[in-house]
């Protein structure tokens, strides 16, 4: 099985006035194609920072992020934006849907940004919305949808271009338990059917326990054990 994500000596430092904040301190991680991985750690440990670096939304202070065999740190801005749009899907705790557009139109956005013809983009969006169980909500705007339905639209939007990697940051953190379980099951089903690598940052221990593997962020490092004393998370299993 091929490696989808490989992180080597990843460091991220922020500057707050004269204060230096080291969030990641040489983190190592390898994730296989099709794997489902939970990333767990206390607030402020760097989970979201890691996800932003994996998704090429930010650049590391030091180290390397390789996605699908390509070192994204070497890409110029235009190539990086195109690669990110085609290869990586993002789902966040808050869905960030555009309120004036329908579920179909929101889902079409990544395809339109990729300059896919509007009619083809609409077909692609309709197909994925049907797959996430929203075939009867295509023309509904976000305000007309439940929280769970809004998150399903956000998931459909993340998947419309068939990304190889899905990154999710607390994807059900804003939903009730029953709705969360439905979204979790949907993530599992899509992972299996699309053979898509999925990395989920979560505080939800029930969700983390259901995923194939869990790693823990502590003191700027990634570990395979929650106490931070076990082997660093640079292995695939």
C-alpha atoms as a PDB file:
ATOM      1  CA  UNK A   1       0.000   0.000   0.000  1.00  0.00           C
ATOM      2  CA  UNK A   2       1.356   3.423  -0.975  1.00  0.00           C
ATOM      3  CA  UNK A   3       2.073   6.285   1.400  1.00  0.00           C
ATOM      4  CA  UNK A   4      -0.347   9.190   0.929  1.00  0.00           C
ATOM      5  CA  UNK A   5       1.023  11.625   3.546  1.00  0.00           C
ATOM      6  CA  UNK A   6       4.550  11.853   4.886  1.00  0.00           C
ATOM      7  CA  UNK A   7       5.679  14.513   7.348  1.00  0.00           C
ATOM      8  CA  UNK A   8       9.363  14.876   8.168  1.00  0.00           C
ATOM      9  CA  UNK A   9      10.857  17.031  10.957  1.00  0.00           C
ATOM     10  CA  UNK A  10       7.861  19.383  10.845  1.00  0.00           C
ATOM     11  CA  UNK A  11       8.272  22.588  12.834  1.00  0.00           C
ATOM     12  CA  UNK A  12       5.933  25.565  13.100  1.00  0.00           C
ATOM     13  CA  UNK A  13       6.727  28.709  15.039  1.00  0.00           C
ATOM     14  CA  UNK A  14       4.500  31.732  15.528  1.00  0.00           C
ATOM     15  CA  UNK A  15       5.559  35.173  16.712  1.00  0.00           C
ATOM     16  CA  UNK A  16       3.265  37.150  19.000  1.00  0.00           C
ATOM     17  CA  UNK A  17       5.004  40.469  19.466  1.00  0.00           C
ATOM     18  CA  UNK A  18       8.340  39.585  21.040  1.00  0.00           C
ATOM     19  CA  UNK A  19       7.036  36.201  22.167  1.00  0.00           C
ATOM     20  CA  UNK A  20       8.039  33.058  20.232  1.00  0.00           C
ATOM     21  CA  UNK A  21       5.485  30.215  20.250  1.00  0.00           C
ATOM     22  CA  UNK A  22       6.745  26.837  19.059  1.00  0.00           C
ATOM     23  CA  UNK A  23       3.681  24.785  18.188  1.00  0.00           C
ATOM     24  CA  UNK A  24       5.257  21.861  16.338  1.00  0.00           C
ATOM     25  CA  UNK A  25       8.794  20.730  17.211  1.00  0.00           C
ATOM     26  CA  UNK A  26      10.032  18.271  14.611  1.00  0.00           C
ATOM     27  CA  UNK A  27       6.865  16.180  14.207  1.00  0.00           C
ATOM     28  CA  UNK A  28       6.990  12.967  12.148  1.00  0.00           C
ATOM     29  CA  UNK A  29       4.016  11.204  10.566  1.00  0.00           C
ATOM     30  CA  UNK A  30       3.264   8.716   7.801  1.00  0.00           C
ATOM     31  CA  UNK A  31      -0.263   7.872   6.628  1.00  0.00           C
ATOM     32  CA  UNK A  32      -1.065   5.192   4.075  1.00  0.00           C
ATOM     33  CA  UNK A  33      -3.394   5.519   1.130  1.00  0.00           C
ATOM     34  CA  UNK A  34      -6.965   4.716   2.198  1.00  0.00           C
ATOM     35  CA  UNK A  35      -6.159   4.892   5.925  1.00  0.00           C
ATOM     36  CA  UNK A  36      -8.436   6.619   8.455  1.00  0.00           C
ATOM     37  CA  UNK A  37      -6.466   8.433  11.151  1.00  0.00           C
ATOM     38  CA  UNK A  38      -7.598  10.314  14.254  1.00  0.00           C
ATOM     39  CA  UNK A  39      -5.419  13.123  15.625  1.00  0.00           C
ATOM     40  CA  UNK A  40      -6.041  13.739  19.331  1.00  0.00           C
ATOM     41  CA  UNK A  41      -4.507  16.114  21.859  1.00  0.00           C
ATOM     42  CA  UNK A  42      -5.297  18.863  24.367  1.00  0.00           C
ATOM     43  CA  UNK A  43      -6.443  22.317  23.270  1.00  0.00           C
ATOM     44  CA  UNK A  44      -3.550  24.363  21.960  1.00  0.00           C
ATOM     45  CA  UNK A  45      -1.394  21.310  21.247  1.00  0.00           C
ATOM     46  CA  UNK A  46      -1.184  22.078  17.526  1.00  0.00           C
ATOM     47  CA  UNK A  47      -3.817  19.750  16.025  1.00  0.00           C
ATOM     48  CA  UNK A  48      -5.383  22.382  13.780  1.00  0.00           C
ATOM     49  CA  UNK A  49      -1.948  23.784  12.908  1.00  0.00           C
ATOM     50  CA  UNK A  50      -0.901  20.312  11.772  1.00  0.00           C
ATOM     51  CA  UNK A  51      -4.036  19.972   9.651  1.00  0.00           C
ATOM     52  CA  UNK A  52      -3.438  23.350   8.004  1.00  0.00           C
ATOM     53  CA  UNK A  53       0.121  22.318   7.154  1.00  0.00           C
ATOM     54  CA  UNK A  54      -1.036  18.945   5.795  1.00  0.00           C
ATOM     55  CA  UNK A  55      -3.571  20.745   3.642  1.00  0.00           C
ATOM     56  CA  UNK A  56      -1.005  23.258   2.349  1.00  0.00           C
ATOM     57  CA  UNK A  57      -3.063  26.102   3.806  1.00  0.00           C
ATOM     58  CA  UNK A  58       0.059  27.223   5.662  1.00  0.00           C
ATOM     59  CA  UNK A  59       3.795  26.657   5.278  1.00  0.00           C
ATOM     60  CA  UNK A  60       6.048  25.041   7.874  1.00  0.00           C
ATOM     61  CA  UNK A  61       8.858  26.938   9.561  1.00  0.00           C
ATOM     62  CA  UNK A  62      10.989  23.876   8.903  1.00  0.00           C
ATOM     63  CA  UNK A  63      10.487  20.364   7.602  1.00  0.00           C
ATOM     64  CA  UNK A  64       8.659  18.756   4.732  1.00  0.00           C
ATOM     65  CA  UNK A  65       5.088  17.733   3.886  1.00  0.00           C
ATOM     66  CA  UNK A  66       4.744  15.234   1.032  1.00  0.00           C
ATOM     67  CA  UNK A  67       1.247  14.510  -0.325  1.00  0.00           C
ATOM     68  CA  UNK A  68       0.820  11.728  -2.861  1.00  0.00           C
ATOM     69  CA  UNK A  69       4.556  11.671  -3.441  1.00  0.00           C
ATOM     70  CA  UNK A  70       4.814  15.420  -4.093  1.00  0.00           C
ATOM     71  CA  UNK A  71       6.607  17.889  -1.834  1.00  0.00           C
ATOM     72  CA  UNK A  72       4.026  20.679  -1.651  1.00  0.00           C
ATOM     73  CA  UNK A  73       6.536  23.126  -0.177  1.00  0.00           C
ATOM     74  CA  UNK A  74       8.235  23.332  -3.578  1.00  0.00           C
ATOM     75  CA  UNK A  75       5.085  24.462  -5.431  1.00  0.00           C
ATOM     76  CA  UNK A  76       4.579  28.014  -6.656  1.00  0.00           C
ATOM     77  CA  UNK A  77       1.301  29.633  -5.482  1.00  0.00           C
ATOM     78  CA  UNK A  78      -0.757  28.903  -8.631  1.00  0.00           C
ATOM     79  CA  UNK A  79       0.307  25.263  -8.792  1.00  0.00           C
ATOM     80  CA  UNK A  80      -0.234  24.870  -5.061  1.00  0.00           C
ATOM     81  CA  UNK A  81      -3.774  26.272  -5.242  1.00  0.00           C
ATOM     82  CA  UNK A  82      -4.659  23.949  -8.122  1.00  0.00           C
ATOM     83  CA  UNK A  83      -3.107  20.900  -6.421  1.00  0.00           C
ATOM     84  CA  UNK A  84      -4.901  21.649  -3.160  1.00  0.00           C
ATOM     85  CA  UNK A  85      -8.251  22.078  -4.902  1.00  0.00           C
ATOM     86  CA  UNK A  86      -7.919  18.807  -6.864  1.00  0.00           C
ATOM     87  CA  UNK A  87      -6.200  16.575  -4.329  1.00  0.00           C
ATOM     88  CA  UNK A  88      -7.356  17.655  -0.853  1.00  0.00           C
ATOM     89  CA  UNK A  89     -10.852  18.067   0.583  1.00  0.00           C
ATOM     90  CA  UNK A  90     -11.480  20.035   3.782  1.00  0.00           C
ATOM     91  CA  UNK A  91     -14.304  19.758   6.314  1.00  0.00           C
ATOM     92  CA  UNK A  92     -14.383  21.987   9.383  1.00  0.00           C
ATOM     93  CA  UNK A  93     -16.477  22.164  12.558  1.00  0.00           C
ATOM     94  CA  UNK A  94     -18.383  25.102  11.105  1.00  0.00           C
ATOM     95  CA  UNK A  95     -19.545  24.336   7.584  1.00  0.00           C
ATOM     96  CA  UNK A  96     -18.759  27.766   6.033  1.00  0.00           C
ATOM     97  CA  UNK A  97     -21.507  27.403   3.431  1.00  0.00           C
ATOM     98  CA  UNK A  98     -22.383  30.509   1.431  1.00  0.00           C
ATOM     99  CA  UNK A  99     -25.853  31.495   2.700  1.00  0.00           C
ATOM    100  CA  UNK A 100     -27.137  32.978  -0.568  1.00  0.00           C
ATOM    101  CA  UNK A 101     -26.472  29.798  -2.568  1.00  0.00           C
ATOM    102  CA  UNK A 102     -28.306  26.476  -2.655  1.00  0.00           C
ATOM    103  CA  UNK A 103     -26.853  23.145  -1.554  1.00  0.00           C
ATOM    104  CA  UNK A 104     -26.166  22.332  -5.210  1.00  0.00           C
ATOM    105  CA  UNK A 105     -24.464  25.673  -5.869  1.00  0.00           C
ATOM    106  CA  UNK A 106     -22.340  25.458  -2.714  1.00  0.00           C
ATOM    107  CA  UNK A 107     -21.208  21.964  -3.696  1.00  0.00           C
ATOM    108  CA  UNK A 108     -20.342  23.078  -7.236  1.00  0.00           C
ATOM    109  CA  UNK A 109     -17.892  25.773  -6.053  1.00  0.00           C
ATOM    110  CA  UNK A 110     -14.622  23.762  -6.124  1.00  0.00           C
ATOM    111  CA  UNK A 111     -15.453  22.496  -9.629  1.00  0.00           C
ATOM    112  CA  UNK A 112     -16.196  26.012 -10.859  1.00  0.00           C
ATOM    113  CA  UNK A 113     -12.942  27.279  -9.328  1.00  0.00           C
ATOM    114  CA  UNK A 114     -11.208  24.509 -11.297  1.00  0.00           C
ATOM    115  CA  UNK A 115     -12.896  25.983 -14.418  1.00  0.00           C
ATOM    116  CA  UNK A 116     -15.058  22.948 -15.052  1.00  0.00           C
ATOM    117  CA  UNK A 117     -18.058  23.826 -17.234  1.00  0.00           C
ATOM    118  CA  UNK A 118     -21.099  24.774 -15.156  1.00  0.00           C
ATOM    119  CA  UNK A 119     -23.319  21.971 -16.512  1.00  0.00           C
ATOM    120  CA  UNK A 120     -20.700  19.315 -15.765  1.00  0.00           C
ATOM    121  CA  UNK A 121     -20.035  20.851 -12.337  1.00  0.00           C
ATOM    122  CA  UNK A 122     -23.760  20.673 -11.573  1.00  0.00           C
ATOM    123  CA  UNK A 123     -23.857  16.968 -12.519  1.00  0.00           C
ATOM    124  CA  UNK A 124     -20.831  16.245 -10.354  1.00  0.00           C
ATOM    125  CA  UNK A 125     -22.371  18.136  -7.422  1.00  0.00           C
ATOM    126  CA  UNK A 126     -25.709  16.376  -7.802  1.00  0.00           C
ATOM    127  CA  UNK A 127     -24.029  12.975  -7.853  1.00  0.00           C
ATOM    128  CA  UNK A 128     -22.102  13.550  -4.631  1.00  0.00           C
ATOM    129  CA  UNK A 129     -25.102  15.153  -2.903  1.00  0.00           C
ATOM    130  CA  UNK A 130     -27.122  12.054  -3.729  1.00  0.00           C
ATOM    131  CA  UNK A 131     -24.304   9.959  -2.313  1.00  0.00           C
ATOM    132  CA  UNK A 132     -24.474  11.805   1.022  1.00  0.00           C
ATOM    133  CA  UNK A 133     -28.261  11.415   1.132  1.00  0.00           C
ATOM    134  CA  UNK A 134     -29.362  14.904   0.073  1.00  0.00           C
ATOM    135  CA  UNK A 135     -30.987  14.251  -3.299  1.00  0.00           C
ATOM    136  CA  UNK A 136     -34.154  15.985  -2.058  1.00  0.00           C
ATOM    137  CA  UNK A 137     -32.320  19.061  -0.741  1.00  0.00           C
ATOM    138  CA  UNK A 138     -30.501  20.265  -3.870  1.00  0.00           C
ATOM    139  CA  UNK A 139     -32.304  23.608  -4.104  1.00  0.00           C
ATOM    140  CA  UNK A 140     -32.396  24.340  -0.370  1.00  0.00           C
ATOM    141  CA  UNK A 141     -30.282  27.152   1.036  1.00  0.00           C
ATOM    142  CA  UNK A 142     -28.292  26.600   4.259  1.00  0.00           C
ATOM    143  CA  UNK A 143     -30.885  28.318   6.446  1.00  0.00           C
ATOM    144  CA  UNK A 144     -33.438  25.757   5.218  1.00  0.00           C
ATOM    145  CA  UNK A 145     -31.257  22.804   6.235  1.00  0.00           C
ATOM    146  CA  UNK A 146     -30.653  21.160   9.611  1.00  0.00           C
ATOM    147  CA  UNK A 147     -27.191  21.227  11.169  1.00  0.00           C
ATOM    148  CA  UNK A 148     -26.505  17.681  10.046  1.00  0.00           C
ATOM    149  CA  UNK A 149     -27.686  18.437   6.522  1.00  0.00           C
ATOM    150  CA  UNK A 150     -25.472  21.520   6.363  1.00  0.00           C
ATOM    151  CA  UNK A 151     -22.465  19.447   7.383  1.00  0.00           C
ATOM    152  CA  UNK A 152     -23.344  16.871   4.722  1.00  0.00           C
ATOM    153  CA  UNK A 153     -23.358  19.644   2.119  1.00  0.00           C
ATOM    154  CA  UNK A 154     -19.948  20.752   3.403  1.00  0.00           C
ATOM    155  CA  UNK A 155     -18.743  17.162   3.073  1.00  0.00           C
ATOM    156  CA  UNK A 156     -20.162  16.917  -0.458  1.00  0.00           C
ATOM    157  CA  UNK A 157     -18.399  20.154  -1.380  1.00  0.00           C
ATOM    158  CA  UNK A 158     -15.121  18.718  -0.046  1.00  0.00           C
ATOM    159  CA  UNK A 159     -15.574  15.557  -2.125  1.00  0.00           C
ATOM    160  CA  UNK A 160     -16.977  16.903  -5.399  1.00  0.00           C
ATOM    161  CA  UNK A 161     -13.610  16.768  -7.201  1.00  0.00           C
ATOM    162  CA  UNK A 162     -12.806  13.294  -5.892  1.00  0.00           C
ATOM    163  CA  UNK A 163      -9.854  14.225  -3.660  1.00  0.00           C
ATOM    164  CA  UNK A 164      -7.377  11.562  -2.594  1.00  0.00           C
ATOM    165  CA  UNK A 165      -7.087  13.105   0.880  1.00  0.00           C
ATOM    166  CA  UNK A 166      -9.844  14.362   3.199  1.00  0.00           C
ATOM    167  CA  UNK A 167      -8.888  16.526   6.180  1.00  0.00           C
ATOM    168  CA  UNK A 168     -11.544  17.109   8.819  1.00  0.00           C
ATOM    169  CA  UNK A 169     -11.212  19.411  11.837  1.00  0.00           C
ATOM    170  CA  UNK A 170     -13.811  18.516  14.505  1.00  0.00           C
ATOM    171  CA  UNK A 171     -16.345  17.739  11.738  1.00  0.00           C
ATOM    172  CA  UNK A 172     -19.149  16.941  14.195  1.00  0.00           C
ATOM    173  CA  UNK A 173     -18.103  19.175  17.092  1.00  0.00           C
ATOM    174  CA  UNK A 174     -21.114  21.433  16.560  1.00  0.00           C
ATOM    175  CA  UNK A 175     -23.703  18.635  16.223  1.00  0.00           C
ATOM    176  CA  UNK A 176     -25.773  16.600  18.673  1.00  0.00           C
ATOM    177  CA  UNK A 177     -24.827  12.976  19.377  1.00  0.00           C
ATOM    178  CA  UNK A 178     -27.379  11.363  17.054  1.00  0.00           C
ATOM    179  CA  UNK A 179     -26.558  13.643  14.123  1.00  0.00           C
ATOM    180  CA  UNK A 180     -22.834  13.167  14.789  1.00  0.00           C
ATOM    181  CA  UNK A 181     -23.170   9.398  14.558  1.00  0.00           C
ATOM    182  CA  UNK A 182     -24.828   9.753  11.165  1.00  0.00           C
ATOM    183  CA  UNK A 183     -21.994  11.933   9.854  1.00  0.00           C
ATOM    184  CA  UNK A 184     -19.401   9.552  11.311  1.00  0.00           C
ATOM    185  CA  UNK A 185     -20.986   6.601   9.511  1.00  0.00           C
ATOM    186  CA  UNK A 186     -21.053   8.613   6.302  1.00  0.00           C
ATOM    187  CA  UNK A 187     -17.328   9.335   6.633  1.00  0.00           C
ATOM    188  CA  UNK A 188     -16.612   5.610   7.097  1.00  0.00           C
ATOM    189  CA  UNK A 189     -18.775   4.631   4.115  1.00  0.00           C
ATOM    190  CA  UNK A 190     -17.164   7.209   1.833  1.00  0.00           C
ATOM    191  CA  UNK A 191     -13.673   6.246   2.969  1.00  0.00           C
ATOM    192  CA  UNK A 192     -14.324   2.623   2.041  1.00  0.00           C
ATOM    193  CA  UNK A 193     -16.109   3.281  -1.244  1.00  0.00           C
ATOM    194  CA  UNK A 194     -13.681   5.946  -2.497  1.00  0.00           C
ATOM    195  CA  UNK A 195     -10.463   4.505  -0.971  1.00  0.00           C
ATOM    196  CA  UNK A 196      -9.797   8.000   0.286  1.00  0.00           C
ATOM    197  CA  UNK A 197      -7.208   8.776   2.955  1.00  0.00           C
ATOM    198  CA  UNK A 198      -8.987  10.503   5.842  1.00  0.00           C
ATOM    199  CA  UNK A 199      -7.366  12.426   8.703  1.00  0.00           C
ATOM    200  CA  UNK A 200      -9.695  13.682  11.423  1.00  0.00           C
ATOM    201  CA  UNK A 201      -8.793  16.025  14.268  1.00  0.00           C
ATOM    202  CA  UNK A 202     -11.232  15.325  17.079  1.00  0.00           C
ATOM    203  CA  UNK A 203     -11.924  15.572  20.795  1.00  0.00           C
ATOM    204  CA  UNK A 204     -14.585  12.888  20.337  1.00  0.00           C
ATOM    205  CA  UNK A 205     -13.085   9.767  21.927  1.00  0.00           C
ATOM    206  CA  UNK A 206     -15.921   7.615  20.570  1.00  0.00           C
ATOM    207  CA  UNK A 207     -15.112   8.677  17.007  1.00  0.00           C
ATOM    208  CA  UNK A 208     -11.356   8.270  17.523  1.00  0.00           C
ATOM    209  CA  UNK A 209     -11.872   4.740  18.837  1.00  0.00           C
ATOM    210  CA  UNK A 210     -13.746   3.789  15.667  1.00  0.00           C
ATOM    211  CA  UNK A 211     -11.018   4.944  13.290  1.00  0.00           C
ATOM    212  CA  UNK A 212      -8.234   2.690  12.076  1.00  0.00           C
ATOM    213  CA  UNK A 213      -5.462   4.455  14.017  1.00  0.00           C
ATOM    214  CA  UNK A 214      -5.019   7.292  16.498  1.00  0.00           C
ATOM    215  CA  UNK A 215      -1.984   9.516  17.044  1.00  0.00           C
ATOM    216  CA  UNK A 216      -1.516  12.040  19.813  1.00  0.00           C
ATOM    217  CA  UNK A 217       0.016  15.516  19.743  1.00  0.00           C
ATOM    218  CA  UNK A 218       1.894  16.550  22.874  1.00  0.00           C
ATOM    219  CA  UNK A 219       4.698  19.072  23.359  1.00  0.00           C
ATOM    220  CA  UNK A 220       4.924  19.698  19.630  1.00  0.00           C
ATOM    221  CA  UNK A 221       5.505  16.042  18.746  1.00  0.00           C
ATOM    222  CA  UNK A 222       3.286  13.282  17.359  1.00  0.00           C
ATOM    223  CA  UNK A 223       3.118  10.010  19.336  1.00  0.00           C
ATOM    224  CA  UNK A 224       1.356   6.677  18.992  1.00  0.00           C
ATOM    225  CA  UNK A 225       0.570   6.622  22.739  1.00  0.00           C
ATOM    226  CA  UNK A 226      -1.568   9.173  24.657  1.00  0.00           C
ATOM    227  CA  UNK A 227       0.998   9.790  27.398  1.00  0.00           C
ATOM    228  CA  UNK A 228       3.569  10.976  24.858  1.00  0.00           C
ATOM    229  CA  UNK A 229       6.069   8.388  26.091  1.00  0.00           C
ATOM    230  CA  UNK A 230       5.498   5.835  23.356  1.00  0.00           C
ATOM    231  CA  UNK A 231       7.019   5.633  19.922  1.00  0.00           C
ATOM    232  CA  UNK A 232       6.765   8.743  17.777  1.00  0.00           C
ATOM    233  CA  UNK A 233       4.121   8.562  15.068  1.00  0.00           C
ATOM    234  CA  UNK A 234       6.420   8.238  12.108  1.00  0.00           C
ATOM    235  CA  UNK A 235       5.308   4.712  11.257  1.00  0.00           C
ATOM    236  CA  UNK A 236       2.347   3.606   9.197  1.00  0.00           C
ATOM    237  CA  UNK A 237       0.819   1.282  11.744  1.00  0.00           C
END
